């Protein structure tokens, strides 16, 4: 039976674009895996403690086992101050553990059988040619941060999510809507072939 680990991290609650997009992705995954099961973790509502040598091992085991049990992880990754939420950083720190997610003898990652889909939302524009091109440090960090475990994230990125609420970005609302629609279409295609096969 297929199993999904759904992780949100946004502090925005019902206003969160990343939460709406991860929910859409979970809906698509459920359609493609009607007999599948889902575990949900909200890193904002239930934040993880930072690494502590005296207490971290049991929690790391729990978090790594959650990933090992999942065929797919859907991670909501809003961009905060040009990087990932600190709660996501704590989650990744707990995942990197020699002997559990990394083979102690070979150094090989042990989580590579799990598909990690990161749905990243950016309030502004960070693409090629924009003033803040290269300022998104969440995507490259996540790729490198989980690499030792064998996880290889694939990304769906939606930009300009603040255009609807920020008057200074009013002239970008049409572009933001196009960007959102493109991201939604990417999400809808994630498990499209499996839906057809079912």
N, C-alpha and C. Protein backbone atom coordinates (compact mmCIF):
# COMPACT_ATOMS: atom_id res chain seq x y z
N UNK A 1 0.84 -1.19 0.00
CA UNK A 1 0.00 0.00 0.00
C UNK A 1 0.88 1.25 0.00
N UNK A 2 0.56 2.20 -0.85
CA UNK A 2 1.34 3.43 -0.95
C UNK A 2 1.08 4.33 0.26
N UNK A 3 2.12 5.05 0.64
CA UNK A 3 2.00 5.94 1.80
C UNK A 3 2.65 7.28 1.50
N UNK A 4 1.98 8.36 1.92
CA UNK A 4 2.42 9.72 1.69
C UNK A 4 2.68 10.42 3.02
N UNK A 5 3.78 11.15 3.09
CA UNK A 5 4.05 12.04 4.22
C UNK A 5 3.86 13.47 3.73
N UNK A 6 2.89 14.16 4.33
CA UNK A 6 2.53 15.53 3.95
C UNK A 6 3.03 16.46 5.04
N UNK A 7 3.89 17.42 4.67
CA UNK A 7 4.48 18.34 5.64
C UNK A 7 4.20 19.78 5.22
N UNK A 8 3.63 20.55 6.14
CA UNK A 8 3.45 21.99 5.94
C UNK A 8 4.34 22.74 6.92
N UNK A 9 4.69 23.98 6.56
CA UNK A 9 5.55 24.77 7.44
C UNK A 9 5.18 26.24 7.49
N UNK A 10 4.23 26.69 6.69
CA UNK A 10 3.89 28.10 6.62
C UNK A 10 3.27 28.59 7.93
N UNK A 11 3.58 29.85 8.26
CA UNK A 11 3.01 30.48 9.45
C UNK A 11 1.71 31.22 9.12
N UNK A 12 1.27 31.18 7.85
CA UNK A 12 0.17 32.03 7.40
C UNK A 12 -1.21 31.42 7.56
N UNK A 13 -1.31 30.21 8.05
CA UNK A 13 -2.62 29.60 8.26
C UNK A 13 -3.43 29.50 6.98
N UNK A 14 -4.72 29.90 7.06
CA UNK A 14 -5.60 29.78 5.90
C UNK A 14 -5.20 30.70 4.75
N UNK A 15 -4.38 31.71 5.04
CA UNK A 15 -3.92 32.62 3.99
C UNK A 15 -2.73 32.08 3.22
N UNK A 16 -2.22 30.95 3.64
CA UNK A 16 -0.99 30.41 3.07
C UNK A 16 -1.20 29.83 1.67
N UNK A 17 -0.42 30.29 0.73
CA UNK A 17 -0.46 29.73 -0.62
C UNK A 17 0.19 28.35 -0.62
N UNK A 18 1.28 28.19 0.10
CA UNK A 18 1.96 26.89 0.09
C UNK A 18 1.06 25.80 0.68
N UNK A 19 0.29 26.14 1.72
CA UNK A 19 -0.62 25.14 2.30
C UNK A 19 -1.72 24.75 1.31
N UNK A 20 -2.24 25.73 0.57
CA UNK A 20 -3.26 25.40 -0.43
C UNK A 20 -2.68 24.53 -1.54
N UNK A 21 -1.44 24.81 -1.91
CA UNK A 21 -0.83 24.02 -2.98
C UNK A 21 -0.46 22.61 -2.53
N UNK A 22 0.03 22.46 -1.29
CA UNK A 22 0.32 21.10 -0.83
C UNK A 22 -0.98 20.30 -0.70
N UNK A 23 -2.06 20.97 -0.27
CA UNK A 23 -3.35 20.28 -0.18
C UNK A 23 -3.80 19.81 -1.56
N UNK A 24 -3.57 20.63 -2.57
CA UNK A 24 -3.92 20.25 -3.95
C UNK A 24 -3.09 19.04 -4.38
N UNK A 25 -1.79 19.07 -4.02
CA UNK A 25 -0.93 17.95 -4.38
C UNK A 25 -1.37 16.67 -3.68
N UNK A 26 -1.76 16.77 -2.43
CA UNK A 26 -2.23 15.58 -1.70
C UNK A 26 -3.50 15.04 -2.34
N UNK A 27 -4.37 15.93 -2.76
CA UNK A 27 -5.60 15.51 -3.43
C UNK A 27 -5.27 14.74 -4.71
N UNK A 28 -4.30 15.23 -5.48
CA UNK A 28 -3.89 14.53 -6.69
C UNK A 28 -3.25 13.19 -6.38
N UNK A 29 -2.45 13.15 -5.32
CA UNK A 29 -1.82 11.89 -4.93
C UNK A 29 -2.88 10.87 -4.51
N UNK A 30 -3.87 11.32 -3.76
CA UNK A 30 -4.94 10.41 -3.32
C UNK A 30 -5.73 9.85 -4.52
N UNK A 31 -5.93 10.70 -5.53
CA UNK A 31 -6.65 10.25 -6.72
C UNK A 31 -5.86 9.17 -7.45
N UNK A 32 -4.53 9.31 -7.42
CA UNK A 32 -3.67 8.33 -8.09
C UNK A 32 -3.43 7.09 -7.24
N UNK A 33 -3.67 7.20 -5.93
CA UNK A 33 -3.44 6.10 -4.98
C UNK A 33 -4.66 5.96 -4.07
N UNK A 34 -5.79 5.53 -4.62
CA UNK A 34 -7.03 5.53 -3.83
C UNK A 34 -6.97 4.67 -2.57
N UNK A 35 -6.08 3.71 -2.53
CA UNK A 35 -5.94 2.87 -1.34
C UNK A 35 -4.78 3.32 -0.45
N UNK A 36 -4.15 4.44 -0.80
CA UNK A 36 -2.99 4.91 -0.06
C UNK A 36 -3.35 5.55 1.27
N UNK A 37 -2.34 5.72 2.10
CA UNK A 37 -2.52 6.33 3.41
C UNK A 37 -1.63 7.57 3.51
N UNK A 38 -2.01 8.49 4.41
CA UNK A 38 -1.32 9.76 4.53
C UNK A 38 -1.00 10.05 6.00
N UNK A 39 0.22 10.47 6.25
CA UNK A 39 0.62 11.01 7.55
C UNK A 39 0.86 12.50 7.38
N UNK A 40 0.33 13.30 8.32
CA UNK A 40 0.47 14.75 8.22
C UNK A 40 1.31 15.28 9.37
N UNK A 41 2.24 16.18 9.03
CA UNK A 41 3.05 16.85 10.04
C UNK A 41 3.04 18.34 9.73
N UNK A 42 2.68 19.15 10.74
CA UNK A 42 2.63 20.60 10.60
C UNK A 42 3.78 21.18 11.43
N UNK A 43 4.82 21.64 10.76
CA UNK A 43 6.01 22.12 11.45
C UNK A 43 5.79 23.48 12.11
N UNK A 44 4.72 24.19 11.74
CA UNK A 44 4.40 25.43 12.43
C UNK A 44 3.60 25.15 13.70
N UNK A 45 2.56 24.32 13.59
CA UNK A 45 1.74 24.01 14.76
C UNK A 45 2.49 23.17 15.78
N UNK A 46 3.39 22.34 15.30
CA UNK A 46 4.14 21.44 16.18
C UNK A 46 5.62 21.52 15.81
N UNK A 47 6.28 22.64 16.12
CA UNK A 47 7.67 22.84 15.69
C UNK A 47 8.63 21.85 16.35
N UNK A 48 9.65 21.50 15.61
CA UNK A 48 10.65 20.56 16.11
C UNK A 48 11.73 21.32 16.88
N UNK A 49 12.26 20.74 17.93
CA UNK A 49 13.37 21.39 18.63
C UNK A 49 14.64 21.31 17.80
N UNK A 50 15.53 22.24 18.06
CA UNK A 50 16.83 22.18 17.40
C UNK A 50 17.61 20.98 17.92
N UNK A 51 18.64 20.61 17.20
CA UNK A 51 19.44 19.46 17.59
C UNK A 51 20.04 19.66 18.98
N UNK A 52 19.95 18.61 19.77
CA UNK A 52 20.50 18.60 21.12
C UNK A 52 21.08 17.21 21.34
N UNK A 53 22.39 17.09 21.54
CA UNK A 53 23.01 15.77 21.65
C UNK A 53 22.38 14.86 22.70
N UNK A 54 21.79 15.44 23.71
CA UNK A 54 21.24 14.62 24.79
C UNK A 54 19.82 14.14 24.53
N UNK A 55 19.11 14.79 23.60
CA UNK A 55 17.70 14.43 23.39
C UNK A 55 17.31 14.18 21.95
N UNK A 56 18.18 14.47 21.00
CA UNK A 56 17.77 14.44 19.59
C UNK A 56 17.62 13.06 19.00
N UNK A 57 18.37 12.07 19.48
CA UNK A 57 18.38 10.77 18.82
C UNK A 57 17.01 10.13 18.70
N UNK A 58 16.21 10.07 19.77
CA UNK A 58 14.89 9.44 19.63
C UNK A 58 13.99 10.17 18.63
N UNK A 59 14.01 11.51 18.63
CA UNK A 59 13.19 12.26 17.69
C UNK A 59 13.68 12.07 16.27
N UNK A 60 14.98 12.07 16.07
CA UNK A 60 15.52 11.82 14.73
C UNK A 60 15.06 10.47 14.21
N UNK A 61 15.04 9.47 15.06
CA UNK A 61 14.58 8.14 14.66
C UNK A 61 13.14 8.20 14.19
N UNK A 62 12.29 8.90 14.93
CA UNK A 62 10.88 9.02 14.56
C UNK A 62 10.74 9.69 13.21
N UNK A 63 11.45 10.80 13.00
CA UNK A 63 11.32 11.56 11.75
C UNK A 63 11.88 10.79 10.56
N UNK A 64 13.00 10.12 10.77
CA UNK A 64 13.58 9.32 9.69
C UNK A 64 12.67 8.15 9.35
N UNK A 65 12.10 7.52 10.35
CA UNK A 65 11.17 6.41 10.10
C UNK A 65 9.94 6.88 9.35
N UNK A 66 9.49 8.12 9.61
CA UNK A 66 8.35 8.66 8.85
C UNK A 66 8.69 8.74 7.37
N UNK A 67 9.90 9.18 7.06
CA UNK A 67 10.31 9.28 5.66
C UNK A 67 10.49 7.89 5.05
N UNK A 68 11.11 6.99 5.80
CA UNK A 68 11.31 5.63 5.29
C UNK A 68 9.99 4.94 4.99
N UNK A 69 8.97 5.23 5.78
CA UNK A 69 7.67 4.59 5.60
C UNK A 69 6.91 5.14 4.41
N UNK A 70 7.35 6.29 3.90
CA UNK A 70 6.62 6.97 2.83
C UNK A 70 7.22 6.67 1.47
N UNK A 71 6.35 6.46 0.49
CA UNK A 71 6.78 6.41 -0.91
C UNK A 71 7.06 7.82 -1.42
N UNK A 72 6.28 8.78 -0.89
CA UNK A 72 6.37 10.17 -1.34
C UNK A 72 6.27 11.10 -0.14
N UNK A 73 7.06 12.17 -0.17
CA UNK A 73 6.94 13.26 0.79
C UNK A 73 6.57 14.52 0.02
N UNK A 74 5.52 15.19 0.45
CA UNK A 74 5.16 16.50 -0.10
C UNK A 74 5.48 17.53 0.97
N UNK A 75 6.38 18.44 0.65
CA UNK A 75 6.85 19.44 1.60
C UNK A 75 6.47 20.83 1.14
N UNK A 76 5.74 21.56 1.97
CA UNK A 76 5.46 22.96 1.71
C UNK A 76 6.65 23.79 2.14
N UNK A 77 7.22 24.58 1.20
CA UNK A 77 8.47 25.30 1.44
C UNK A 77 8.31 26.78 1.09
N UNK A 78 7.69 27.57 1.96
CA UNK A 78 7.64 29.00 1.69
C UNK A 78 9.02 29.63 1.88
N UNK A 79 9.29 30.67 1.11
CA UNK A 79 10.58 31.36 1.22
C UNK A 79 10.43 32.49 2.23
N UNK A 80 11.21 32.42 3.32
CA UNK A 80 11.18 33.45 4.34
C UNK A 80 12.55 34.12 4.42
N UNK A 81 12.59 35.43 4.16
CA UNK A 81 13.84 36.16 4.26
C UNK A 81 14.96 35.48 3.47
N UNK A 82 14.57 35.03 2.27
CA UNK A 82 15.49 34.46 1.28
C UNK A 82 15.96 33.05 1.62
N UNK A 83 15.36 32.41 2.60
CA UNK A 83 15.74 31.05 2.96
C UNK A 83 14.54 30.23 3.39
N UNK A 84 14.76 29.00 3.83
CA UNK A 84 13.66 28.15 4.28
C UNK A 84 13.21 28.55 5.68
N UNK A 85 11.99 28.21 6.06
CA UNK A 85 11.59 28.40 7.46
C UNK A 85 12.55 27.63 8.38
N UNK A 86 12.82 28.19 9.53
CA UNK A 86 13.74 27.53 10.46
C UNK A 86 13.23 26.16 10.88
N UNK A 87 11.91 25.98 10.84
CA UNK A 87 11.34 24.68 11.21
C UNK A 87 11.70 23.61 10.20
N UNK A 88 11.78 23.99 8.92
CA UNK A 88 12.20 23.03 7.89
C UNK A 88 13.69 22.71 8.07
N UNK A 89 14.47 23.72 8.40
CA UNK A 89 15.89 23.48 8.67
C UNK A 89 16.05 22.48 9.82
N UNK A 90 15.27 22.63 10.88
CA UNK A 90 15.34 21.70 12.01
C UNK A 90 14.96 20.29 11.56
N UNK A 91 13.92 20.18 10.70
CA UNK A 91 13.49 18.86 10.21
C UNK A 91 14.63 18.18 9.45
N UNK A 92 15.28 18.94 8.57
CA UNK A 92 16.38 18.37 7.79
C UNK A 92 17.54 17.99 8.71
N UNK A 93 17.84 18.83 9.68
CA UNK A 93 18.93 18.51 10.60
C UNK A 93 18.69 17.18 11.30
N UNK A 94 17.45 16.92 11.68
CA UNK A 94 17.13 15.66 12.34
C UNK A 94 17.20 14.46 11.38
N UNK A 95 17.01 14.73 10.08
CA UNK A 95 17.05 13.63 9.11
C UNK A 95 18.47 13.15 8.82
N UNK A 96 19.44 14.00 9.02
CA UNK A 96 20.82 13.67 8.67
C UNK A 96 21.47 12.97 9.87
N UNK A 97 21.46 11.64 9.83
CA UNK A 97 21.94 10.87 10.98
C UNK A 97 22.67 9.62 10.50
N UNK A 98 23.95 9.56 10.78
CA UNK A 98 24.75 8.39 10.41
C UNK A 98 24.22 7.16 11.14
N UNK A 99 24.04 6.09 10.37
CA UNK A 99 23.53 4.86 10.93
C UNK A 99 22.03 4.71 10.78
N UNK A 100 21.35 5.82 10.47
CA UNK A 100 19.90 5.75 10.29
C UNK A 100 19.47 6.18 8.89
N UNK A 101 19.93 7.36 8.47
CA UNK A 101 19.63 7.82 7.11
C UNK A 101 20.87 7.76 6.22
N UNK A 102 22.01 7.50 6.84
CA UNK A 102 23.27 7.41 6.12
C UNK A 102 23.99 6.14 6.57
N UNK A 103 24.38 5.31 5.61
CA UNK A 103 25.07 4.07 5.95
C UNK A 103 26.40 4.38 6.63
N UNK A 104 26.60 3.82 7.82
CA UNK A 104 27.79 4.13 8.61
C UNK A 104 29.07 3.63 7.96
N UNK A 105 28.99 2.59 7.15
CA UNK A 105 30.18 2.03 6.54
C UNK A 105 30.51 2.65 5.20
N UNK A 106 29.50 2.85 4.37
CA UNK A 106 29.74 3.33 3.01
C UNK A 106 29.47 4.83 2.82
N UNK A 107 28.72 5.42 3.74
CA UNK A 107 28.34 6.82 3.59
C UNK A 107 27.19 7.03 2.62
N UNK A 108 26.62 5.95 2.12
CA UNK A 108 25.51 6.06 1.17
C UNK A 108 24.23 6.49 1.88
N UNK A 109 23.45 7.30 1.20
CA UNK A 109 22.16 7.71 1.74
C UNK A 109 21.17 6.56 1.71
N UNK A 110 20.33 6.48 2.74
CA UNK A 110 19.40 5.37 2.88
C UNK A 110 17.95 5.76 2.62
N UNK A 111 17.70 7.01 2.22
CA UNK A 111 16.33 7.46 2.00
C UNK A 111 16.00 7.67 0.53
N UNK A 112 16.87 7.19 -0.34
CA UNK A 112 16.73 7.47 -1.76
C UNK A 112 15.52 6.83 -2.43
N UNK A 113 14.87 5.89 -1.76
CA UNK A 113 13.69 5.27 -2.35
C UNK A 113 12.44 6.14 -2.20
N UNK A 114 12.55 7.22 -1.45
CA UNK A 114 11.41 8.10 -1.22
C UNK A 114 11.46 9.29 -2.16
N UNK A 115 10.33 9.60 -2.78
CA UNK A 115 10.20 10.73 -3.70
C UNK A 115 9.87 11.98 -2.88
N UNK A 116 10.72 12.99 -2.93
CA UNK A 116 10.51 14.23 -2.20
C UNK A 116 10.07 15.32 -3.18
N UNK A 117 8.85 15.81 -3.00
CA UNK A 117 8.31 16.89 -3.82
C UNK A 117 8.21 18.14 -2.94
N UNK A 118 9.00 19.14 -3.26
CA UNK A 118 8.99 20.39 -2.51
C UNK A 118 8.20 21.43 -3.29
N UNK A 119 7.16 21.95 -2.66
CA UNK A 119 6.34 22.99 -3.29
C UNK A 119 6.75 24.31 -2.67
N UNK A 120 7.54 25.07 -3.43
CA UNK A 120 8.11 26.31 -2.91
C UNK A 120 7.30 27.51 -3.35
N UNK A 121 7.00 28.39 -2.41
CA UNK A 121 6.31 29.64 -2.73
C UNK A 121 7.21 30.81 -2.36
N UNK A 122 7.22 31.80 -3.26
CA UNK A 122 8.04 33.00 -3.07
C UNK A 122 7.14 34.22 -3.18
N UNK A 123 7.23 35.11 -2.20
CA UNK A 123 6.37 36.28 -2.22
C UNK A 123 6.70 37.22 -3.37
N UNK A 124 7.96 37.31 -3.73
CA UNK A 124 8.39 38.17 -4.83
C UNK A 124 8.88 37.38 -6.01
N UNK A 125 9.66 38.04 -6.85
CA UNK A 125 10.20 37.39 -8.04
C UNK A 125 11.70 37.19 -7.90
N UNK A 126 12.15 35.98 -8.17
CA UNK A 126 13.56 35.64 -8.01
C UNK A 126 14.14 34.96 -9.26
N UNK A 127 13.40 34.99 -10.34
CA UNK A 127 13.81 34.30 -11.55
C UNK A 127 14.90 35.04 -12.31
N UNK A 128 15.38 34.42 -13.39
CA UNK A 128 16.43 35.03 -14.20
C UNK A 128 16.04 36.43 -14.67
N UNK A 129 16.97 37.36 -14.52
CA UNK A 129 16.73 38.72 -14.98
C UNK A 129 16.06 39.64 -13.98
N UNK A 130 15.59 39.09 -12.85
CA UNK A 130 14.97 39.93 -11.83
C UNK A 130 16.05 40.50 -10.91
N UNK A 131 15.74 41.62 -10.22
CA UNK A 131 16.75 42.21 -9.32
C UNK A 131 17.23 41.25 -8.24
N UNK A 132 16.39 40.29 -7.87
CA UNK A 132 16.78 39.37 -6.80
C UNK A 132 17.08 37.95 -7.32
N UNK A 133 17.47 37.88 -8.56
CA UNK A 133 17.92 36.59 -9.08
C UNK A 133 19.07 36.07 -8.21
N UNK A 134 18.97 34.82 -7.79
CA UNK A 134 20.01 34.22 -6.98
C UNK A 134 19.83 34.42 -5.48
N UNK A 135 18.80 35.17 -5.08
CA UNK A 135 18.58 35.41 -3.66
C UNK A 135 17.76 34.31 -3.00
N UNK A 136 17.21 33.39 -3.76
CA UNK A 136 16.46 32.27 -3.18
C UNK A 136 17.46 31.22 -2.71
N UNK A 137 17.63 31.13 -1.41
CA UNK A 137 18.57 30.17 -0.84
C UNK A 137 17.88 28.93 -0.29
N UNK A 138 16.57 28.85 -0.42
CA UNK A 138 15.85 27.69 0.09
C UNK A 138 16.02 26.48 -0.82
N UNK A 139 15.91 26.70 -2.13
CA UNK A 139 15.94 25.58 -3.07
C UNK A 139 17.30 24.90 -3.11
N UNK A 140 18.36 25.70 -3.25
CA UNK A 140 19.69 25.08 -3.29
C UNK A 140 20.05 24.48 -1.94
N UNK A 141 19.66 25.15 -0.86
CA UNK A 141 19.95 24.61 0.46
C UNK A 141 19.28 23.26 0.67
N UNK A 142 17.99 23.15 0.33
CA UNK A 142 17.29 21.89 0.55
C UNK A 142 17.94 20.77 -0.26
N UNK A 143 18.26 21.06 -1.51
CA UNK A 143 18.90 20.05 -2.35
C UNK A 143 20.19 19.54 -1.72
N UNK A 144 21.00 20.46 -1.25
CA UNK A 144 22.27 20.07 -0.62
C UNK A 144 22.04 19.48 0.77
N UNK A 145 21.09 20.04 1.51
CA UNK A 145 20.87 19.62 2.89
C UNK A 145 20.46 18.17 3.03
N UNK A 146 19.64 17.69 2.10
CA UNK A 146 19.16 16.30 2.19
C UNK A 146 20.01 15.34 1.36
N UNK A 147 21.01 15.84 0.65
CA UNK A 147 21.74 15.00 -0.29
C UNK A 147 22.44 13.82 0.38
N UNK A 148 22.93 14.01 1.59
CA UNK A 148 23.62 12.92 2.27
C UNK A 148 22.69 11.75 2.58
N UNK A 149 21.39 12.03 2.66
CA UNK A 149 20.42 10.98 2.99
C UNK A 149 19.96 10.20 1.77
N UNK A 150 20.31 10.68 0.59
CA UNK A 150 19.85 10.03 -0.64
C UNK A 150 18.59 10.64 -1.22
N UNK A 151 17.95 11.55 -0.49
CA UNK A 151 16.77 12.22 -1.02
C UNK A 151 17.18 13.20 -2.12
N UNK A 152 16.40 13.23 -3.18
CA UNK A 152 16.64 14.16 -4.29
C UNK A 152 15.34 14.91 -4.55
N UNK A 153 15.22 16.13 -4.05
CA UNK A 153 13.94 16.84 -4.21
C UNK A 153 13.68 17.28 -5.64
N UNK A 154 12.42 17.23 -6.02
CA UNK A 154 11.99 17.89 -7.24
C UNK A 154 11.05 19.02 -6.82
N UNK A 155 11.11 20.13 -7.53
CA UNK A 155 10.48 21.36 -7.08
C UNK A 155 9.35 21.81 -7.98
N UNK A 156 8.30 22.32 -7.36
CA UNK A 156 7.28 23.13 -8.03
C UNK A 156 7.41 24.50 -7.38
N UNK A 157 7.65 25.53 -8.18
CA UNK A 157 7.90 26.87 -7.65
C UNK A 157 6.82 27.83 -8.13
N UNK A 158 6.23 28.56 -7.19
CA UNK A 158 5.23 29.59 -7.50
C UNK A 158 5.73 30.91 -6.92
N UNK A 159 5.87 31.91 -7.79
CA UNK A 159 6.39 33.21 -7.38
C UNK A 159 5.29 34.27 -7.29
N UNK A 160 5.68 35.41 -6.74
CA UNK A 160 4.83 36.61 -6.69
C UNK A 160 3.56 36.39 -5.87
N UNK A 161 3.63 35.55 -4.86
CA UNK A 161 2.43 35.22 -4.09
C UNK A 161 1.92 36.39 -3.24
N UNK A 162 2.74 37.43 -3.06
CA UNK A 162 2.31 38.58 -2.27
C UNK A 162 1.63 39.65 -3.13
N UNK A 163 1.54 39.42 -4.42
CA UNK A 163 1.01 40.45 -5.31
C UNK A 163 -0.45 40.80 -4.99
N UNK A 164 -1.22 39.84 -4.54
CA UNK A 164 -2.63 40.08 -4.26
C UNK A 164 -2.83 40.95 -3.04
N UNK A 165 -1.90 40.95 -2.12
CA UNK A 165 -2.08 41.67 -0.86
C UNK A 165 -1.16 42.87 -0.70
N UNK A 166 -0.15 42.99 -1.54
CA UNK A 166 0.81 44.08 -1.43
C UNK A 166 0.52 45.13 -2.51
N UNK A 167 0.02 46.32 -2.12
CA UNK A 167 -0.32 47.34 -3.13
C UNK A 167 0.86 47.70 -4.03
N UNK A 168 2.06 47.60 -3.52
CA UNK A 168 3.24 47.95 -4.32
C UNK A 168 3.46 46.97 -5.46
N UNK A 169 2.81 45.81 -5.38
CA UNK A 169 2.97 44.77 -6.41
C UNK A 169 1.72 44.64 -7.28
N UNK A 170 0.84 45.63 -7.21
CA UNK A 170 -0.44 45.54 -7.91
C UNK A 170 -0.28 45.31 -9.41
N UNK A 171 0.76 45.91 -10.00
CA UNK A 171 0.95 45.76 -11.44
C UNK A 171 1.46 44.37 -11.82
N UNK A 172 1.77 43.55 -10.82
CA UNK A 172 2.26 42.20 -11.08
C UNK A 172 1.19 41.13 -10.86
N UNK A 173 -0.04 41.56 -10.58
CA UNK A 173 -1.08 40.59 -10.22
C UNK A 173 -1.43 39.63 -11.37
N UNK A 174 -1.46 40.15 -12.57
CA UNK A 174 -1.76 39.28 -13.71
C UNK A 174 -0.65 38.23 -13.89
N UNK A 175 0.59 38.68 -13.78
CA UNK A 175 1.72 37.75 -13.88
C UNK A 175 1.69 36.75 -12.74
N UNK A 176 1.33 37.21 -11.54
CA UNK A 176 1.23 36.30 -10.39
C UNK A 176 0.17 35.24 -10.63
N UNK A 177 -0.96 35.64 -11.19
CA UNK A 177 -2.04 34.69 -11.47
C UNK A 177 -1.58 33.65 -12.49
N UNK A 178 -0.84 34.08 -13.49
CA UNK A 178 -0.30 33.15 -14.48
C UNK A 178 0.68 32.18 -13.84
N UNK A 179 1.50 32.71 -12.95
CA UNK A 179 2.49 31.89 -12.28
C UNK A 179 1.82 30.85 -11.39
N UNK A 180 0.77 31.26 -10.69
CA UNK A 180 0.03 30.33 -9.84
C UNK A 180 -0.62 29.25 -10.68
N UNK A 181 -1.23 29.63 -11.79
CA UNK A 181 -1.89 28.65 -12.65
C UNK A 181 -0.87 27.65 -13.20
N UNK A 182 0.32 28.14 -13.54
CA UNK A 182 1.37 27.25 -14.04
C UNK A 182 1.78 26.26 -12.95
N UNK A 183 1.94 26.74 -11.72
CA UNK A 183 2.30 25.86 -10.62
C UNK A 183 1.22 24.83 -10.33
N UNK A 184 -0.03 25.26 -10.38
CA UNK A 184 -1.14 24.32 -10.17
C UNK A 184 -1.15 23.24 -11.25
N UNK A 185 -0.87 23.63 -12.48
CA UNK A 185 -0.83 22.65 -13.57
C UNK A 185 0.31 21.67 -13.37
N UNK A 186 1.45 22.15 -12.90
CA UNK A 186 2.56 21.24 -12.61
C UNK A 186 2.17 20.24 -11.53
N UNK A 187 1.52 20.73 -10.50
CA UNK A 187 1.08 19.84 -9.42
C UNK A 187 0.10 18.81 -9.94
N UNK A 188 -0.83 19.23 -10.78
CA UNK A 188 -1.84 18.30 -11.31
C UNK A 188 -1.22 17.22 -12.19
N UNK A 189 -0.04 17.49 -12.73
CA UNK A 189 0.62 16.50 -13.59
C UNK A 189 1.56 15.56 -12.82
N UNK A 190 1.76 15.81 -11.54
CA UNK A 190 2.74 15.02 -10.78
C UNK A 190 2.46 13.52 -10.84
N UNK A 191 1.18 13.16 -10.71
CA UNK A 191 0.82 11.74 -10.70
C UNK A 191 -0.22 11.44 -11.78
N UNK A 192 -0.19 12.26 -12.83
CA UNK A 192 -1.19 12.14 -13.90
C UNK A 192 -1.17 10.76 -14.54
N UNK A 193 0.02 10.22 -14.83
CA UNK A 193 0.11 8.93 -15.49
C UNK A 193 -0.45 7.82 -14.62
N UNK A 194 -0.28 7.94 -13.31
CA UNK A 194 -0.81 6.91 -12.42
C UNK A 194 -2.32 6.99 -12.35
N UNK A 195 -2.87 8.22 -12.43
CA UNK A 195 -4.32 8.38 -12.43
C UNK A 195 -4.93 7.70 -13.65
N UNK A 196 -4.26 7.89 -14.80
CA UNK A 196 -4.76 7.29 -16.02
C UNK A 196 -4.66 5.76 -15.92
N UNK A 197 -3.56 5.28 -15.36
CA UNK A 197 -3.36 3.84 -15.25
C UNK A 197 -4.41 3.20 -14.35
N UNK A 198 -4.82 3.92 -13.29
CA UNK A 198 -5.81 3.39 -12.38
C UNK A 198 -7.16 3.37 -13.05
